Amino acid sequence: MIKLIHFIKTLIISLICLVQTFYKKVCNKMFGRFRTVLSASSAEGYVDTGVKVLIAVVLGALLLTLLYSLFNDVIGPTVGDRVYKLFEYAG
């Protein structure tokens, strides 16, 4: 009976060691890929694209602000007066 318990104990320990080594190999392989991807400089173009998009958004916001102020201050009142004069015509 003692030999059977010793055999089962040895079997469990060897299985645990086998699982641990498999886990370590998988983790090293996976983290090795992560290290390779993170250390690669092939993704540097994304920063340039991000800056271009940011510049485009800022310029678009400035253009919309300019058009909004132009329509509210200059074009809006003039068009409003002309439409009012069209309907005010008493002829």
C-alpha atoms as a PDB file:
ATOM      1  CA  MET A   1       0.000   0.000   0.000  1.00  0.00           C
ATOM      2  CA  ILE A   2       2.843   2.368   0.821  1.00  0.00           C
ATOM      3  CA  LYS A   3       4.416   1.688  -2.576  1.00  0.00           C
ATOM      4  CA  LEU A   4       1.128   2.573  -4.273  1.00  0.00           C
ATOM      5  CA  ILE A   5       0.865   5.856  -2.356  1.00  0.00           C
ATOM      6  CA  HIS A   6       4.493   6.643  -3.162  1.00  0.00           C
ATOM      7  CA  PHE A   7       3.853   5.856  -6.844  1.00  0.00           C
ATOM      8  CA  ILE A   8       0.760   8.098  -6.949  1.00  0.00           C
ATOM      9  CA  LYS A   9       2.650  10.882  -5.169  1.00  0.00           C
ATOM     10  CA  THR A  10       5.536  10.601  -7.630  1.00  0.00           C
ATOM     11  CA  LEU A  11       3.104  10.552 -10.565  1.00  0.00           C
ATOM     12  CA  ILE A  12       1.293  13.675  -9.332  1.00  0.00           C
ATOM     13  CA  ILE A  13       4.588  15.509  -8.753  1.00  0.00           C
ATOM     14  CA  SER A  14       5.840  14.591 -12.221  1.00  0.00           C
ATOM     15  CA  LEU A  15       2.539  15.715 -13.772  1.00  0.00           C
ATOM     16  CA  ILE A  16       2.759  19.025 -11.917  1.00  0.00           C
ATOM     17  CA  CYS A  17       6.329  19.501 -13.130  1.00  0.00           C
ATOM     18  CA  LEU A  18       5.246  18.664 -16.682  1.00  0.00           C
ATOM     19  CA  VAL A  19       2.417  21.202 -16.551  1.00  0.00           C
ATOM     20  CA  GLN A  20       4.747  23.828 -15.084  1.00  0.00           C
ATOM     21  CA  THR A  21       7.337  23.367 -17.817  1.00  0.00           C
ATOM     22  CA  PHE A  22       4.638  23.470 -20.497  1.00  0.00           C
ATOM     23  CA  TYR A  23       3.196  26.644 -18.956  1.00  0.00           C
ATOM     24  CA  LYS A  24       6.644  28.251 -18.792  1.00  0.00           C
ATOM     25  CA  LYS A  25       7.331  27.401 -22.444  1.00  0.00           C
ATOM     26  CA  VAL A  26       3.995  28.817 -23.550  1.00  0.00           C
ATOM     27  CA  CYS A  27       4.454  31.978 -21.485  1.00  0.00           C
ATOM     28  CA  ASN A  28       8.005  32.516 -22.730  1.00  0.00           C
ATOM     29  CA  LYS A  29       6.878  32.022 -26.312  1.00  0.00           C
ATOM     30  CA  MET A  30       3.931  34.394 -25.889  1.00  0.00           C
ATOM     31  CA  PHE A  31       5.892  37.082 -24.048  1.00  0.00           C
ATOM     32  CA  GLY A  32       8.716  36.705 -26.548  1.00  0.00           C
ATOM     33  CA  ARG A  33       6.260  37.605 -29.283  1.00  0.00           C
ATOM     34  CA  PHE A  34       5.000  40.550 -27.230  1.00  0.00           C
ATOM     35  CA  ARG A  35       8.560  41.772 -26.724  1.00  0.00           C
ATOM     36  CA  THR A  36       9.226  41.461 -30.440  1.00  0.00           C
ATOM     37  CA  VAL A  37       6.075  43.373 -31.348  1.00  0.00           C
ATOM     38  CA  LEU A  38       6.660  46.093 -28.777  1.00  0.00           C
ATOM     39  CA  SER A  39      10.308  46.573 -29.691  1.00  0.00           C
ATOM     40  CA  ALA A  40       9.610  46.735 -33.430  1.00  0.00           C
ATOM     41  CA  SER A  41       9.681  50.217 -34.915  1.00  0.00           C
ATOM     42  CA  SER A  42       7.449  49.392 -37.866  1.00  0.00           C
ATOM     43  CA  ALA A  43       4.450  51.054 -36.199  1.00  0.00           C
ATOM     44  CA  GLU A  44       6.052  54.489 -36.083  1.00  0.00           C
ATOM     45  CA  GLY A  45       3.849  55.597 -38.990  1.00  0.00           C
ATOM     46  CA  TYR A  46       0.832  55.532 -36.680  1.00  0.00           C
ATOM     47  CA  VAL A  47       2.182  58.501 -34.743  1.00  0.00           C
ATOM     48  CA  ASP A  48       2.522  60.534 -37.934  1.00  0.00           C
ATOM     49  CA  THR A  49      -1.001  59.615 -38.996  1.00  0.00           C
ATOM     50  CA  GLY A  50      -2.340  60.546 -35.568  1.00  0.00           C
ATOM     51  CA  VAL A  51      -0.683  63.956 -35.732  1.00  0.00           C
ATOM     52  CA  LYS A  52      -2.136  64.537 -39.209  1.00  0.00           C
ATOM     53  CA  VAL A  53      -5.609  63.613 -37.997  1.00  0.00           C
ATOM     54  CA  LEU A  54      -5.249  65.903 -34.987  1.00  0.00           C
ATOM     55  CA  ILE A  55      -4.169  68.812 -37.209  1.00  0.00           C
ATOM     56  CA  ALA A  56      -7.112  68.153 -39.556  1.00  0.00           C
ATOM     57  CA  VAL A  57      -9.561  68.155 -36.628  1.00  0.00           C
ATOM     58  CA  VAL A  58      -8.188  71.415 -35.238  1.00  0.00           C
ATOM     59  CA  LEU A  59      -8.261  73.124 -38.647  1.00  0.00           C
ATOM     60  CA  GLY A  60     -11.800  71.861 -39.238  1.00  0.00           C
ATOM     61  CA  ALA A  61     -12.926  73.240 -35.878  1.00  0.00           C
ATOM     62  CA  LEU A  62     -11.358  76.610 -36.685  1.00  0.00           C
ATOM     63  CA  LEU A  63     -13.047  76.671 -40.093  1.00  0.00           C
ATOM     64  CA  LEU A  64     -16.437  75.826 -38.584  1.00  0.00           C
ATOM     65  CA  THR A  65     -15.997  78.538 -35.950  1.00  0.00           C
ATOM     66  CA  LEU A  66     -15.126  81.072 -38.645  1.00  0.00           C
ATOM     67  CA  LEU A  67     -18.145  80.107 -40.759  1.00  0.00           C
ATOM     68  CA  TYR A  68     -20.450  80.168 -37.744  1.00  0.00           C
ATOM     69  CA  SER A  69     -19.336  83.650 -36.729  1.00  0.00           C
ATOM     70  CA  LEU A  70     -19.509  84.846 -40.350  1.00  0.00           C
ATOM     71  CA  PHE A  71     -23.073  83.612 -40.795  1.00  0.00           C
ATOM     72  CA  ASN A  72     -24.265  84.978 -37.446  1.00  0.00           C
ATOM     73  CA  ASP A  73     -22.650  88.412 -37.732  1.00  0.00           C
ATOM     74  CA  VAL A  74     -22.534  89.272 -41.440  1.00  0.00           C
ATOM     75  CA  ILE A  75     -24.692  87.034 -43.616  1.00  0.00           C
ATOM     76  CA  GLY A  76     -27.469  86.147 -41.185  1.00  0.00           C
ATOM     77  CA  PRO A  77     -28.795  89.637 -40.445  1.00  0.00           C
ATOM     78  CA  THR A  78     -28.532  90.698 -44.096  1.00  0.00           C
ATOM     79  CA  VAL A  79     -30.497  87.677 -45.319  1.00  0.00           C
ATOM     80  CA  GLY A  80     -33.022  88.166 -42.540  1.00  0.00           C
ATOM     81  CA  ASP A  81     -33.591  91.799 -43.515  1.00  0.00           C
ATOM     82  CA  ARG A  82     -33.984  90.925 -47.182  1.00  0.00           C
ATOM     83  CA  VAL A  83     -36.516  88.166 -46.442  1.00  0.00           C
ATOM     84  CA  TYR A  84     -38.435  90.540 -44.185  1.00  0.00           C
ATOM     85  CA  LYS A  85     -38.490  93.200 -46.916  1.00  0.00           C
ATOM     86  CA  LEU A  86     -39.758  90.623 -49.428  1.00  0.00           C
ATOM     87  CA  PHE A  87     -42.770  89.799 -47.283  1.00  0.00           C
ATOM     88  CA  GLU A  88     -43.306  93.435 -46.342  1.00  0.00           C
ATOM     89  CA  TYR A  89     -43.902  94.425 -49.970  1.00  0.00           C
ATOM     90  CA  ALA A  90     -47.201  96.263 -50.200  1.00  0.00           C
ATOM     91  CA  GLY A  91     -47.711  96.709 -53.881  1.00  0.00           C
END
